[in-house]
């Protein structure tokens, strides 16, 4: 059977790129770039590893198993797999990603025009989530048309921003700030968690595979190959966006030295480079893009929990919308601060799951390997997450581990357990003569 043609592959790649292009992809590179200073490119490299490389590997892993998150977690067992899936959906839904879309659009759309205070954010977020709720209750053609219109406009806006950052920088890079000056690569690596794209890929992977099947491709090897091709196209686009936004942030020290988040950095740069018309246009585009992203996330969560627990779709969406509205009123800086420990604890599970899935054929009985490594990743990831909250008692306890200071103390324990379980797998295979 013939696979997809070049035009179809490009279209699939742009669709995949659009799936990943959300609020976090725009604000975090700018914020990290501002604080990176002379360490800009090392921080950028670390960010690309988790912000681009890991989502790409996740798409490949899902394509290879021929299913979605449920199939990927089969070696963990039904209960553990379901708990992990719930954690992923809550993270990309009402806990962090969905409320973040509201505060990002608020910072960029209104940041240059109004004084920041809780009352303005309360009014804005109330109107924002009222629209999101309406769209989530009526997701069909309206959302699809808005998405088809906004994605090209957002791409154009990002291209213009990237070109402006290179050819019309706001100034010279400022001095590097902690933690970027002390550990640039690992700091960028951890910042890549904040995009939550690897978690999103666990949900989007099945969408990409389904899009390929609708073109008449049913052979698993071809679906895998086309998923990889689409992922590479999307990864290339995201890399270009990230590099340009990192540079924009790094060269915006003169106009955004006091910014506390990436939304403020972007708003300050656009106001400086393009004036009021540019700020208004970018604000409208970002707001519409965030609306479609928030709606898509809530629809996905509503459908998942309706299928899982039988709770009516509209009730689930209403509850998650109200919860997202409450969370969004913390403000962007506080929301990021709260999300970091959770993502530091959750991301090791996603990384280990994806890497083990890609290497699954190395073991005769992969289930014990998966379960042991994921259990260790859970324990040490949780400890790293608690350390990220500033819980000083754990810093001394885990200090002997390599990378513990960078909240990556889970790496060595998982590697040791992986080695031990691999030896056990070989021994069991020889012992039973299988």
Protein backbone atom coordinates (compact mmCIF):
# COMPACT_ATOMS: atom_id res chain seq x y z
CA UNK A 1 0.00 0.00 0.00
CA UNK A 2 1.26 3.46 -0.88
CA UNK A 3 2.02 5.87 1.92
CA UNK A 4 1.41 9.60 2.10
CA UNK A 5 2.74 11.96 -0.55
CA UNK A 6 5.06 14.90 0.17
CA UNK A 7 2.21 17.42 0.29
CA UNK A 8 0.23 15.25 2.70
CA UNK A 9 3.29 14.76 4.91
CA UNK A 10 3.90 18.52 5.04
CA UNK A 11 0.25 19.12 5.93
CA UNK A 12 0.49 16.48 8.66
CA UNK A 13 3.67 18.11 9.96
CA UNK A 14 2.04 21.55 10.17
CA UNK A 15 -0.97 20.01 11.92
CA UNK A 16 1.38 18.42 14.46
CA UNK A 17 3.21 21.73 14.90
CA UNK A 18 -0.11 23.49 15.52
CA UNK A 19 -1.08 20.89 18.15
CA UNK A 20 2.03 21.69 20.18
CA UNK A 21 2.08 25.46 19.67
CA UNK A 22 0.48 26.78 22.85
CA UNK A 23 0.89 29.48 25.47
CA UNK A 24 3.89 27.87 27.16
CA UNK A 25 5.81 27.63 23.89
CA UNK A 26 5.70 31.39 23.57
CA UNK A 27 6.37 32.71 27.07
CA UNK A 28 8.98 30.41 28.60
CA UNK A 29 11.74 30.82 25.97
CA UNK A 30 11.45 34.61 26.26
CA UNK A 31 11.66 34.50 30.07
CA UNK A 32 14.60 32.08 30.10
CA UNK A 33 16.39 34.07 27.40
CA UNK A 34 16.11 37.26 29.46
CA UNK A 35 17.82 35.63 32.45
CA UNK A 36 20.37 33.54 30.52
CA UNK A 37 22.71 36.37 29.62
CA UNK A 38 26.04 35.10 28.29
CA UNK A 39 24.87 31.50 28.79
CA UNK A 40 22.08 31.91 26.23
CA UNK A 41 22.96 29.08 23.85
CA UNK A 42 23.66 26.46 26.52
CA UNK A 43 20.34 27.21 28.18
CA UNK A 44 18.65 27.05 24.77
CA UNK A 45 20.18 23.63 24.09
CA UNK A 46 18.91 22.26 27.40
CA UNK A 47 15.46 23.66 26.67
CA UNK A 48 15.39 22.08 23.21
CA UNK A 49 16.14 18.63 24.67
CA UNK A 50 12.93 18.54 26.72
CA UNK A 51 10.88 21.10 24.80
CA UNK A 52 11.45 19.54 21.37
CA UNK A 53 13.38 16.26 21.62
CA UNK A 54 11.21 14.61 24.25
CA UNK A 55 7.85 15.38 22.56
CA UNK A 56 9.29 14.03 19.30
CA UNK A 57 10.36 10.80 21.01
CA UNK A 58 6.90 10.56 22.59
CA UNK A 59 5.19 10.81 19.21
CA UNK A 60 7.51 8.10 17.87
CA UNK A 61 6.88 5.85 20.89
CA UNK A 62 3.10 6.15 20.52
CA UNK A 63 3.29 5.49 16.79
CA UNK A 64 5.38 2.35 17.36
CA UNK A 65 2.88 0.82 19.78
CA UNK A 66 0.06 1.70 17.40
CA UNK A 67 -2.17 3.28 20.00
CA UNK A 68 -2.60 6.02 22.55
CA UNK A 69 -1.56 6.58 26.13
CA UNK A 70 -3.54 3.56 27.32
CA UNK A 71 -1.54 1.27 25.02
CA UNK A 72 1.77 2.86 26.01
CA UNK A 73 1.10 2.22 29.70
CA UNK A 74 0.00 -1.43 29.29
CA UNK A 75 3.25 -2.80 30.83
CA UNK A 76 2.48 -0.85 34.01
CA UNK A 77 -0.82 -2.60 34.60
CA UNK A 78 -4.32 -1.14 34.37
CA UNK A 79 -4.42 0.64 37.74
CA UNK A 80 -0.98 2.27 37.52
CA UNK A 81 -1.54 3.19 33.87
CA UNK A 82 -4.88 4.82 34.66
CA UNK A 83 -3.44 6.81 37.58
CA UNK A 84 -0.63 8.09 35.35
CA UNK A 85 -3.11 9.02 32.59
CA UNK A 86 -5.28 10.90 35.10
CA UNK A 87 -2.24 12.86 36.30
CA UNK A 88 -1.34 13.77 32.70
CA UNK A 89 -4.86 14.91 31.81
CA UNK A 90 -5.18 16.98 34.99
CA UNK A 91 -1.79 18.64 34.39
CA UNK A 92 -2.55 19.60 30.78
CA UNK A 93 -6.11 20.45 31.79
CA UNK A 94 -7.44 22.31 34.82
CA UNK A 95 -4.35 22.29 37.05
CA UNK A 96 -1.85 24.18 34.90
CA UNK A 97 -2.06 24.33 31.11
CA UNK A 98 -5.67 25.53 30.76
CA UNK A 99 -5.53 28.31 33.40
CA UNK A 100 -2.15 29.32 31.98
CA UNK A 101 -3.74 30.14 28.62
CA UNK A 102 -5.91 32.75 30.36
CA UNK A 103 -3.09 34.49 32.21
CA UNK A 104 -0.73 34.39 29.23
CA UNK A 105 -3.30 36.07 26.99
CA UNK A 106 -4.01 38.57 29.79
CA UNK A 107 -0.32 39.46 30.17
CA UNK A 108 0.26 39.87 26.44
CA UNK A 109 -3.07 41.41 25.43
CA UNK A 110 -3.47 43.86 28.33
CA UNK A 111 0.01 44.03 29.86
CA UNK A 112 1.04 47.13 27.92
CA UNK A 113 -2.23 49.00 28.47
CA UNK A 114 -3.47 48.46 32.04
CA UNK A 115 -1.95 48.33 35.49
CA UNK A 116 -1.62 44.78 36.76
CA UNK A 117 -4.01 44.04 39.62
CA UNK A 118 -6.26 41.20 40.71
CA UNK A 119 -9.50 43.00 39.81
CA UNK A 120 -8.59 43.39 36.14
CA UNK A 121 -7.42 39.77 35.98
CA UNK A 122 -10.66 38.63 37.65
CA UNK A 123 -12.83 40.43 35.09
CA UNK A 124 -10.69 39.29 32.15
CA UNK A 125 -10.51 35.65 33.27
CA UNK A 126 -14.29 35.58 33.88
CA UNK A 127 -15.01 36.74 30.33
CA UNK A 128 -12.29 34.48 28.93
CA UNK A 129 -13.60 31.29 30.53
CA UNK A 130 -17.19 32.17 29.69
CA UNK A 131 -16.17 32.06 26.02
CA UNK A 132 -14.14 28.87 26.59
CA UNK A 133 -17.12 27.19 28.25
CA UNK A 134 -19.41 28.14 25.36
CA UNK A 135 -16.93 26.75 22.82
CA UNK A 136 -16.38 23.57 24.85
CA UNK A 137 -20.13 22.99 24.99
CA UNK A 138 -20.33 23.51 21.22
CA UNK A 139 -16.94 22.29 19.97
CA UNK A 140 -17.82 21.31 16.37
CA UNK A 141 -17.29 23.59 13.41
CA UNK A 142 -16.83 26.89 15.30
CA UNK A 143 -13.65 25.76 17.03
CA UNK A 144 -12.34 24.10 13.87
CA UNK A 145 -12.83 27.27 11.82
CA UNK A 146 -11.24 29.51 14.44
CA UNK A 147 -8.28 27.13 14.62
CA UNK A 148 -7.88 27.09 10.84
CA UNK A 149 -7.93 30.89 10.77
CA UNK A 150 -5.75 31.62 13.79
CA UNK A 151 -2.94 29.09 13.30
CA UNK A 152 -1.61 30.68 10.06
CA UNK A 153 -1.94 34.17 11.57
CA UNK A 154 -0.12 33.10 14.73
CA UNK A 155 2.62 31.50 12.62
CA UNK A 156 3.01 34.73 10.66
CA UNK A 157 3.16 36.75 13.89
CA UNK A 158 5.86 34.45 15.29
CA UNK A 159 7.87 34.67 12.06
CA UNK A 160 7.71 38.47 12.21
CA UNK A 161 8.69 38.41 15.89
CA UNK A 162 11.62 36.12 15.16
CA UNK A 163 12.87 38.27 12.29
CA UNK A 164 12.44 41.43 14.35
CA UNK A 165 14.37 39.89 17.24
CA UNK A 166 17.30 39.13 14.93
CA UNK A 167 17.32 42.30 12.82
CA UNK A 168 15.87 44.77 15.32
CA UNK A 169 16.94 43.67 18.81
CA UNK A 170 15.92 45.88 21.72
CA UNK A 171 19.48 45.97 23.04
CA UNK A 172 22.41 43.88 24.24
CA UNK A 173 22.00 40.81 26.48
CA UNK A 174 22.10 41.49 30.21
CA UNK A 175 24.09 39.55 32.81
CA UNK A 176 23.19 35.93 33.47
CA UNK A 177 21.09 35.28 36.56
CA UNK A 178 20.74 32.30 38.86
CA UNK A 179 20.10 29.44 38.31
CA UNK A 180 21.06 29.92 34.64
CA UNK A 181 24.53 31.29 35.39
CA UNK A 182 25.37 28.37 37.70
CA UNK A 183 23.90 25.45 35.71
CA UNK A 184 22.83 26.66 32.25
CA UNK A 185 22.25 23.31 30.53
CA UNK A 186 20.26 21.64 33.31
CA UNK A 187 18.30 24.85 33.99
CA UNK A 188 17.24 24.96 30.36
CA UNK A 189 16.43 21.24 30.52
CA UNK A 190 14.08 21.83 33.47
CA UNK A 191 12.52 24.89 31.84
CA UNK A 192 11.54 22.66 28.93
CA UNK A 193 9.27 20.80 31.36
CA UNK A 194 7.16 23.94 31.66
CA UNK A 195 5.95 23.74 28.06
CA UNK A 196 4.29 20.43 29.05
CA UNK A 197 4.66 19.34 25.42
CA UNK A 198 5.85 15.84 26.34
CA UNK A 199 2.69 15.40 28.43
CA UNK A 200 0.63 16.86 25.60
CA UNK A 201 2.30 14.48 23.15
CA UNK A 202 1.05 11.54 25.22
CA UNK A 203 -2.46 12.74 24.36
CA UNK A 204 -1.82 14.09 20.85
CA UNK A 205 0.07 11.03 19.59
CA UNK A 206 -3.13 9.10 18.97
CA UNK A 207 -4.56 12.14 17.11
CA UNK A 208 -1.60 12.15 14.73
CA UNK A 209 -1.87 8.40 14.09
CA UNK A 210 -5.62 8.74 13.51
CA UNK A 211 -5.03 11.56 11.00
CA UNK A 212 -2.70 9.26 9.04
CA UNK A 213 -5.25 6.45 9.05
CA UNK A 214 -7.93 8.76 7.64
CA UNK A 215 -5.70 9.08 4.55
CA UNK A 216 -6.06 5.34 3.96
CA UNK A 217 -2.75 4.27 5.52
CA UNK A 218 -3.25 1.22 7.76
CA UNK A 219 0.14 -0.51 7.80
CA UNK A 220 1.80 0.06 11.19
CA UNK A 221 5.29 0.56 9.74
CA UNK A 222 4.03 3.33 7.44
CA UNK A 223 2.03 4.98 10.25
CA UNK A 224 5.18 4.95 12.38
CA UNK A 225 7.31 6.39 9.56
CA UNK A 226 4.83 9.16 8.75
CA UNK A 227 4.42 10.00 12.45
CA UNK A 228 8.20 10.39 12.69
CA UNK A 229 8.24 12.58 9.57
CA UNK A 230 5.44 14.76 10.94
CA UNK A 231 7.23 14.94 14.28
CA UNK A 232 10.47 16.06 12.63
CA UNK A 233 8.66 18.82 10.72
CA UNK A 234 6.95 19.97 13.92
CA UNK A 235 10.21 19.75 15.88
CA UNK A 236 12.00 21.87 13.27
CA UNK A 237 9.30 24.53 13.46
CA UNK A 238 9.28 24.55 17.27
CA UNK A 239 13.09 24.76 17.37
CA UNK A 240 13.06 27.84 15.14
CA UNK A 241 10.37 29.45 17.29
CA UNK A 242 12.26 28.69 20.50
CA UNK A 243 15.65 29.89 19.28
CA UNK A 244 14.20 33.18 18.02
CA UNK A 245 12.23 33.76 21.25
CA UNK A 246 15.27 32.94 23.39
CA UNK A 247 17.24 35.54 21.44
CA UNK A 248 14.35 38.02 21.72
CA UNK A 249 14.33 37.57 25.49
CA UNK A 250 18.11 37.82 25.81
CA UNK A 251 18.23 41.11 23.90
CA UNK A 252 15.24 42.64 25.72
CA UNK A 253 17.07 43.45 28.94
CA UNK A 254 16.92 47.17 28.18
CA UNK A 255 13.12 47.19 27.91
CA UNK A 256 12.09 44.30 30.18
CA UNK A 257 14.67 44.16 32.97
CA UNK A 258 11.96 44.10 35.65
CA UNK A 259 9.74 41.50 33.93
CA UNK A 260 8.75 38.59 36.17
CA UNK A 261 7.47 36.28 33.42
CA UNK A 262 7.69 35.70 29.68
CA UNK A 263 4.36 37.35 28.93
CA UNK A 264 5.70 40.64 30.27
CA UNK A 265 8.92 40.22 28.26
CA UNK A 266 7.01 39.75 25.00
CA UNK A 267 4.62 42.60 25.74
CA UNK A 268 7.53 44.95 26.49
CA UNK A 269 9.45 43.97 23.35
CA UNK A 270 6.46 44.29 21.02
CA UNK A 271 5.52 47.66 22.53
CA UNK A 272 9.09 48.86 22.00
CA UNK A 273 9.48 47.47 18.46
CA UNK A 274 6.01 47.92 16.97
CA UNK A 275 4.21 50.37 19.24
CA UNK A 276 0.53 50.26 20.13
CA UNK A 277 -0.72 48.75 16.81
CA UNK A 278 1.71 45.84 17.14
CA UNK A 279 0.75 45.24 20.76
CA UNK A 280 -2.96 45.26 19.91
CA UNK A 281 -2.54 42.87 16.98
CA UNK A 282 -0.36 40.44 18.92
CA UNK A 283 -2.77 40.59 21.86
CA UNK A 284 -5.74 39.65 19.68
CA UNK A 285 -3.88 36.81 17.92
CA UNK A 286 -2.50 35.35 21.17
CA UNK A 287 -5.89 35.60 22.88
CA UNK A 288 -7.68 33.75 20.08
CA UNK A 289 -4.94 31.12 19.94
CA UNK A 290 -5.14 30.63 23.71
CA UNK A 291 -8.94 30.34 23.51
CA UNK A 292 -8.73 27.51 20.99
CA UNK A 293 -5.99 25.76 23.00
CA UNK A 294 -7.95 26.03 26.27
CA UNK A 295 -11.10 24.74 24.61
CA UNK A 296 -9.29 21.81 23.01
CA UNK A 297 -7.72 20.83 26.34
CA UNK A 298 -11.04 20.98 28.20
CA UNK A 299 -12.79 18.99 25.46
CA UNK A 300 -10.08 16.31 25.67
CA UNK A 301 -10.36 16.18 29.48
CA UNK A 302 -14.16 16.10 29.37
CA UNK A 303 -14.22 13.24 26.89
CA UNK A 304 -11.56 11.26 28.78
CA UNK A 305 -13.24 11.47 32.18
CA UNK A 306 -16.67 10.79 30.68
CA UNK A 307 -15.24 7.60 29.18
CA UNK A 308 -13.33 6.71 32.36
CA UNK A 309 -15.96 7.33 35.03
CA UNK A 310 -19.18 7.85 33.10
CA UNK A 311 -19.61 11.43 34.36
CA UNK A 312 -21.61 13.48 31.88
CA UNK A 313 -19.40 15.48 29.52
CA UNK A 314 -20.99 18.87 30.22
CA UNK A 315 -20.76 18.47 33.99
CA UNK A 316 -17.09 17.56 33.75
CA UNK A 317 -16.30 20.48 31.44
CA UNK A 318 -18.23 22.93 33.66
CA UNK A 319 -16.35 21.77 36.76
CA UNK A 320 -12.94 21.92 35.05
CA UNK A 321 -13.72 25.36 33.58
CA UNK A 322 -14.64 26.78 36.99
CA UNK A 323 -11.56 25.18 38.53
CA UNK A 324 -9.33 26.60 35.77
CA UNK A 325 -10.88 30.04 36.33
CA UNK A 326 -10.05 29.90 40.05
CA UNK A 327 -6.48 28.74 39.40
CA UNK A 328 -5.88 31.39 36.73
CA UNK A 329 -6.53 34.18 39.23
CA UNK A 330 -3.28 33.37 41.00
CA UNK A 331 -1.55 35.23 38.18
CA UNK A 332 1.06 33.91 35.76
CA UNK A 333 4.13 34.25 37.98
CA UNK A 334 2.50 32.44 40.91
CA UNK A 335 1.00 29.77 38.63
CA UNK A 336 4.43 28.99 37.19
CA UNK A 337 5.91 28.87 40.70
CA UNK A 338 3.29 26.34 41.84
CA UNK A 339 3.54 24.21 38.69
CA UNK A 340 7.32 23.71 38.80
CA UNK A 341 7.44 21.18 41.70
CA UNK A 342 4.57 19.15 40.22
CA UNK A 343 6.18 18.99 36.79
CA UNK A 344 9.59 18.18 38.30
CA UNK A 345 7.89 15.19 39.92
CA UNK A 346 5.75 14.15 36.95
CA UNK A 347 8.18 14.59 34.05
CA UNK A 348 10.62 11.83 35.13
CA UNK A 349 7.74 9.36 34.81
CA UNK A 350 7.01 10.55 31.27
CA UNK A 351 10.69 10.46 30.28
CA UNK A 352 11.25 6.96 31.68
CA UNK A 353 8.02 5.62 30.16
CA UNK A 354 8.85 6.93 26.69
CA UNK A 355 12.48 5.74 26.72
CA UNK A 356 11.54 2.29 28.01
CA UNK A 357 8.83 2.00 25.37
CA UNK A 358 11.31 2.82 22.61
CA UNK A 359 13.69 0.15 23.96
CA UNK A 360 11.00 -2.41 24.81
CA UNK A 361 12.34 -5.08 22.44
CA UNK A 362 15.59 -5.29 24.42
CA UNK A 363 13.89 -7.33 27.14
CA UNK A 364 12.25 -10.74 26.99
CA UNK A 365 9.74 -9.74 29.69
CA UNK A 366 9.51 -5.94 29.73
CA UNK A 367 6.74 -5.64 32.35
CA UNK A 368 8.98 -6.06 35.47
CA UNK A 369 11.50 -3.63 33.95
CA UNK A 370 8.82 -1.00 33.34
CA UNK A 371 7.28 -1.37 36.79
CA UNK A 372 10.56 -1.25 38.71
CA UNK A 373 11.96 1.73 36.81
CA UNK A 374 8.70 3.68 36.96
CA UNK A 375 8.40 3.01 40.71
CA UNK A 376 11.90 4.40 41.31
CA UNK A 377 11.20 7.36 39.00
CA UNK A 378 8.02 8.05 40.98
CA UNK A 379 9.78 8.03 44.36
CA UNK A 380 12.84 10.06 43.40
CA UNK A 381 10.85 12.35 41.08
CA UNK A 382 8.51 13.13 43.98
CA UNK A 383 11.52 13.85 46.22
CA UNK A 384 12.97 16.15 43.54
CA UNK A 385 9.59 17.87 43.31
CA UNK A 386 9.54 18.44 47.07
CA UNK A 387 13.09 19.77 46.87
CA UNK A 388 11.94 22.22 44.20
CA UNK A 389 9.45 23.66 46.71
CA UNK A 390 12.39 24.66 48.91
CA UNK A 391 11.99 21.84 51.44
CA UNK A 392 15.54 22.09 52.78
CA UNK A 393 15.55 18.81 54.75
CA UNK A 394 15.44 16.82 51.50
CA UNK A 395 18.28 18.82 49.95
CA UNK A 396 20.68 17.32 52.49
CA UNK A 397 19.17 13.85 52.16
CA UNK A 398 19.51 13.73 48.36
CA UNK A 399 22.64 15.85 48.10
CA UNK A 400 24.90 12.86 47.48
CA UNK A 401 23.14 12.06 44.19
CA UNK A 402 24.51 13.47 40.93
CA UNK A 403 22.29 16.24 39.51
CA UNK A 404 20.31 16.47 42.78
CA UNK A 405 20.94 20.22 42.96
CA UNK A 406 19.29 20.54 39.54
CA UNK A 407 16.19 18.55 40.68
CA UNK A 408 17.30 15.59 38.55
CA UNK A 409 18.39 13.25 41.31
CA UNK A 410 16.16 10.53 39.85
CA UNK A 411 18.51 9.85 36.92
CA UNK A 412 21.13 7.69 38.69
CA UNK A 413 18.67 5.56 40.75
CA UNK A 414 16.62 4.80 37.64
CA UNK A 415 19.77 3.93 35.66
CA UNK A 416 20.96 1.56 38.42
CA UNK A 417 17.58 -0.17 38.65
CA UNK A 418 17.37 -0.40 34.86
CA UNK A 419 20.76 -2.12 34.76
CA UNK A 420 19.77 -4.51 37.54
CA UNK A 421 16.43 -5.38 35.94
CA UNK A 422 18.12 -5.94 32.57
CA UNK A 423 20.56 -8.41 34.17
CA UNK A 424 17.61 -10.09 35.90
CA UNK A 425 15.73 -10.34 32.60
CA UNK A 426 18.72 -12.01 30.91
CA UNK A 427 19.20 -14.38 33.85
CA UNK A 428 15.52 -15.37 33.93
CA UNK A 429 15.57 -16.00 30.20
CA UNK A 430 18.60 -18.32 30.47
CA UNK A 431 17.26 -20.01 33.59
CA UNK A 432 13.95 -20.94 32.00
CA UNK A 433 15.47 -21.59 28.58
CA UNK A 434 12.98 -19.32 26.79
